[in-house]
Amino acid sequence: MLYWWRAVVKPVVDDSVFGFSKEERWVERVVVASSFGTLWWWRLRGEVESLVVVVEAKKELMMDIGVADFLGWWLYYLTVIIGTIRIVKVVMWFGVILLLRRVEVNQVDSIGNEEKV
């Protein structure tokens, strides 16, 4: 889907609207990634919540929980954990980038002050 957007949709829209091809900026990449991530999460939640509800209903009715029910429950929580780890990783990545830029700016300022003295 993302390849289709970059290979077909974006060149046609750029040519129609601007008359030339524009370079893709990082802001556009963030917006596209977040929208695809949100759509993926929304669809996945709708499909997988039913698996968890079935297991909970069977538990309340004192029915046996089968291997398939357990695997569906396990897959749901595994996916949630992976998604959470990816979100935390991105937040840490942004923090490191912001921290390193501040350190570089401070080092450049300190070097400039020493030369003046």
C-alpha atoms as a PDB file:
ATOM      1  CA  MET A   1       0.000   0.000   0.000  1.00  0.00           C
ATOM      2  CA  LEU A   2       2.793   2.389   0.883  1.00  0.00           C
ATOM      3  CA  TYR A   3       4.664   1.520  -2.295  1.00  0.00           C
ATOM      4  CA  TRP A   4       1.511   2.203  -4.321  1.00  0.00           C
ATOM      5  CA  TRP A   5       1.250   5.621  -2.715  1.00  0.00           C
ATOM      6  CA  ARG A   6       4.879   6.518  -3.471  1.00  0.00           C
ATOM      7  CA  ALA A   7       5.032   4.997  -6.955  1.00  0.00           C
ATOM      8  CA  VAL A   8       1.657   5.977  -8.413  1.00  0.00           C
ATOM      9  CA  VAL A   9      -0.463   8.321  -6.312  1.00  0.00           C
ATOM     10  CA  LYS A  10       2.133  10.896  -5.224  1.00  0.00           C
ATOM     11  CA  PRO A  11       3.667  11.491  -8.695  1.00  0.00           C
ATOM     12  CA  VAL A  12       0.226  11.919 -10.270  1.00  0.00           C
ATOM     13  CA  VAL A  13      -0.973  14.313  -7.560  1.00  0.00           C
ATOM     14  CA  ASP A  14       2.273  16.300  -7.640  1.00  0.00           C
ATOM     15  CA  ASP A  15       2.099  16.615 -11.418  1.00  0.00           C
ATOM     16  CA  SER A  16      -1.585  17.588 -11.356  1.00  0.00           C
ATOM     17  CA  VAL A  17      -1.378  20.087  -8.496  1.00  0.00           C
ATOM     18  CA  PHE A  18       2.134  21.533  -8.703  1.00  0.00           C
ATOM     19  CA  GLY A  19       3.157  20.730 -12.268  1.00  0.00           C
ATOM     20  CA  PHE A  20       6.391  19.091 -11.100  1.00  0.00           C
ATOM     21  CA  SER A  21       7.497  16.341  -8.737  1.00  0.00           C
ATOM     22  CA  LYS A  22       8.096  17.412  -5.131  1.00  0.00           C
ATOM     23  CA  GLU A  23      10.574  15.830  -2.740  1.00  0.00           C
ATOM     24  CA  GLU A  24       8.980  13.880   0.114  1.00  0.00           C
ATOM     25  CA  ARG A  25       9.684  15.543   3.472  1.00  0.00           C
ATOM     26  CA  TRP A  26       9.980  13.851   6.854  1.00  0.00           C
ATOM     27  CA  VAL A  27       6.736  15.471   8.050  1.00  0.00           C
ATOM     28  CA  GLU A  28       4.845  13.761   5.228  1.00  0.00           C
ATOM     29  CA  ARG A  29       6.451  10.442   6.129  1.00  0.00           C
ATOM     30  CA  VAL A  30       5.424  10.827   9.782  1.00  0.00           C
ATOM     31  CA  VAL A  31       1.837  11.655   8.836  1.00  0.00           C
ATOM     32  CA  VAL A  32       1.562   8.706   6.444  1.00  0.00           C
ATOM     33  CA  ALA A  33       3.155   6.307   8.935  1.00  0.00           C
ATOM     34  CA  SER A  34       0.901   7.436  11.776  1.00  0.00           C
ATOM     35  CA  SER A  35      -2.242   7.212   9.633  1.00  0.00           C
ATOM     36  CA  PHE A  36      -1.352   3.714   8.415  1.00  0.00           C
ATOM     37  CA  GLY A  37      -0.495   2.696  11.981  1.00  0.00           C
ATOM     38  CA  THR A  38      -3.816   4.030  13.265  1.00  0.00           C
ATOM     39  CA  LEU A  39      -5.782   2.255  10.548  1.00  0.00           C
ATOM     40  CA  TRP A  40      -3.873  -0.981  11.211  1.00  0.00           C
ATOM     41  CA  TRP A  41      -4.498  -0.735  14.971  1.00  0.00           C
ATOM     42  CA  TRP A  42      -8.192   0.008  14.471  1.00  0.00           C
ATOM     43  CA  ARG A  43      -8.738  -2.976  12.133  1.00  0.00           C
ATOM     44  CA  LEU A  44      -6.647  -5.318  14.256  1.00  0.00           C
ATOM     45  CA  ARG A  45      -8.481  -4.332  17.424  1.00  0.00           C
ATOM     46  CA  GLY A  46     -11.842  -5.001  15.785  1.00  0.00           C
ATOM     47  CA  GLU A  47     -10.801  -8.445  14.573  1.00  0.00           C
ATOM     48  CA  VAL A  48      -8.929  -9.633  17.636  1.00  0.00           C
ATOM     49  CA  GLU A  49     -11.203  -8.332  20.385  1.00  0.00           C
ATOM     50  CA  SER A  50     -13.749 -10.954  19.384  1.00  0.00           C
ATOM     51  CA  LEU A  51     -11.178 -13.668  20.150  1.00  0.00           C
ATOM     52  CA  VAL A  52     -10.651 -12.292  23.650  1.00  0.00           C
ATOM     53  CA  VAL A  53     -14.402 -11.899  24.244  1.00  0.00           C
ATOM     54  CA  VAL A  54     -14.990 -15.543  23.291  1.00  0.00           C
ATOM     55  CA  VAL A  55     -12.375 -16.716  25.794  1.00  0.00           C
ATOM     56  CA  GLU A  56     -13.845 -14.533  28.546  1.00  0.00           C
ATOM     57  CA  ALA A  57     -17.377 -15.771  27.797  1.00  0.00           C
ATOM     58  CA  LYS A  58     -16.226 -19.393  27.905  1.00  0.00           C
ATOM     59  CA  LYS A  59     -14.476 -18.732  31.194  1.00  0.00           C
ATOM     60  CA  GLU A  60     -17.654 -17.259  32.719  1.00  0.00           C
ATOM     61  CA  LEU A  61     -19.770 -20.170  31.479  1.00  0.00           C
ATOM     62  CA  MET A  62     -17.240 -22.630  32.943  1.00  0.00           C
ATOM     63  CA  MET A  63     -16.596 -24.153  29.520  1.00  0.00           C
ATOM     64  CA  ASP A  64     -13.284 -25.677  28.526  1.00  0.00           C
ATOM     65  CA  ILE A  65     -10.879 -23.250  26.917  1.00  0.00           C
ATOM     66  CA  GLY A  66      -9.279 -24.900  23.913  1.00  0.00           C
ATOM     67  CA  VAL A  67      -5.846 -24.487  22.398  1.00  0.00           C
ATOM     68  CA  ALA A  68      -7.246 -22.270  19.630  1.00  0.00           C
ATOM     69  CA  ASP A  69      -8.801 -19.939  22.196  1.00  0.00           C
ATOM     70  CA  PHE A  70      -5.554 -19.738  24.121  1.00  0.00           C
ATOM     71  CA  LEU A  71      -3.549 -19.058  20.935  1.00  0.00           C
ATOM     72  CA  GLY A  72      -5.950 -16.284  19.912  1.00  0.00           C
ATOM     73  CA  TRP A  73      -5.651 -14.687  23.349  1.00  0.00           C
ATOM     74  CA  TRP A  74      -1.870 -15.074  23.313  1.00  0.00           C
ATOM     75  CA  LEU A  75      -1.590 -13.606  19.800  1.00  0.00           C
ATOM     76  CA  TYR A  76      -3.676 -10.599  20.815  1.00  0.00           C
ATOM     77  CA  TYR A  77      -1.540  -9.750  23.820  1.00  0.00           C
ATOM     78  CA  LEU A  78       1.689 -10.458  21.941  1.00  0.00           C
ATOM     79  CA  THR A  79       0.628  -7.988  19.246  1.00  0.00           C
ATOM     80  CA  VAL A  80      -0.245  -5.379  21.868  1.00  0.00           C
ATOM     81  CA  ILE A  81       3.139  -5.809  23.537  1.00  0.00           C
ATOM     82  CA  ILE A  82       5.004  -5.521  20.227  1.00  0.00           C
ATOM     83  CA  GLY A  83       3.067  -2.377  19.317  1.00  0.00           C
ATOM     84  CA  THR A  84       3.747  -0.846  22.715  1.00  0.00           C
ATOM     85  CA  ILE A  85       7.461  -1.605  22.433  1.00  0.00           C
ATOM     86  CA  ARG A  86       7.573   0.017  18.981  1.00  0.00           C
ATOM     87  CA  ILE A  87       5.859   3.150  20.324  1.00  0.00           C
ATOM     88  CA  VAL A  88       8.279   3.368  23.254  1.00  0.00           C
ATOM     89  CA  LYS A  89      11.200   2.857  20.856  1.00  0.00           C
ATOM     90  CA  VAL A  90      10.057   5.761  18.662  1.00  0.00           C
ATOM     91  CA  VAL A  91       9.591   8.042  21.680  1.00  0.00           C
ATOM     92  CA  MET A  92      13.078   7.166  22.933  1.00  0.00           C
ATOM     93  CA  TRP A  93      14.493   7.761  19.435  1.00  0.00           C
ATOM     94  CA  PHE A  94      12.971  11.252  19.340  1.00  0.00           C
ATOM     95  CA  GLY A  95      14.339  11.928  22.828  1.00  0.00           C
ATOM     96  CA  VAL A  96      17.843  10.874  21.827  1.00  0.00           C
ATOM     97  CA  ILE A  97      17.724  13.034  18.698  1.00  0.00           C
ATOM     98  CA  LEU A  98      16.569  16.078  20.671  1.00  0.00           C
ATOM     99  CA  LEU A  99      19.170  15.458  23.393  1.00  0.00           C
ATOM    100  CA  LEU A 100      22.033  15.023  20.914  1.00  0.00           C
ATOM    101  CA  ARG A 101      21.111  18.206  19.086  1.00  0.00           C
ATOM    102  CA  ARG A 102      21.180  20.156  22.341  1.00  0.00           C
ATOM    103  CA  VAL A 103      24.563  18.676  23.274  1.00  0.00           C
ATOM    104  CA  GLU A 104      25.987  19.561  19.841  1.00  0.00           C
ATOM    105  CA  VAL A 105      24.705  23.132  20.126  1.00  0.00           C
ATOM    106  CA  ASN A 106      26.241  23.473  23.605  1.00  0.00           C
ATOM    107  CA  GLN A 107      29.591  22.123  22.393  1.00  0.00           C
ATOM    108  CA  VAL A 108      29.662  24.541  19.470  1.00  0.00           C
ATOM    109  CA  ASP A 109      28.896  27.468  21.826  1.00  0.00           C
ATOM    110  CA  SER A 110      31.635  26.452  24.272  1.00  0.00           C
ATOM    111  CA  ILE A 111      34.228  26.131  21.484  1.00  0.00           C
ATOM    112  CA  GLY A 112      33.333  29.562  20.168  1.00  0.00           C
ATOM    113  CA  ASN A 113      33.700  31.152  23.633  1.00  0.00           C
ATOM    114  CA  GLU A 114      37.179  29.679  24.180  1.00  0.00           C
ATOM    115  CA  GLU A 115      38.469  31.178  20.966  1.00  0.00           C
ATOM    116  CA  LYS A 116      37.327  34.642  21.995  1.00  0.00           C
ATOM    117  CA  VAL A 117      39.178  34.549  25.303  1.00  0.00           C
END
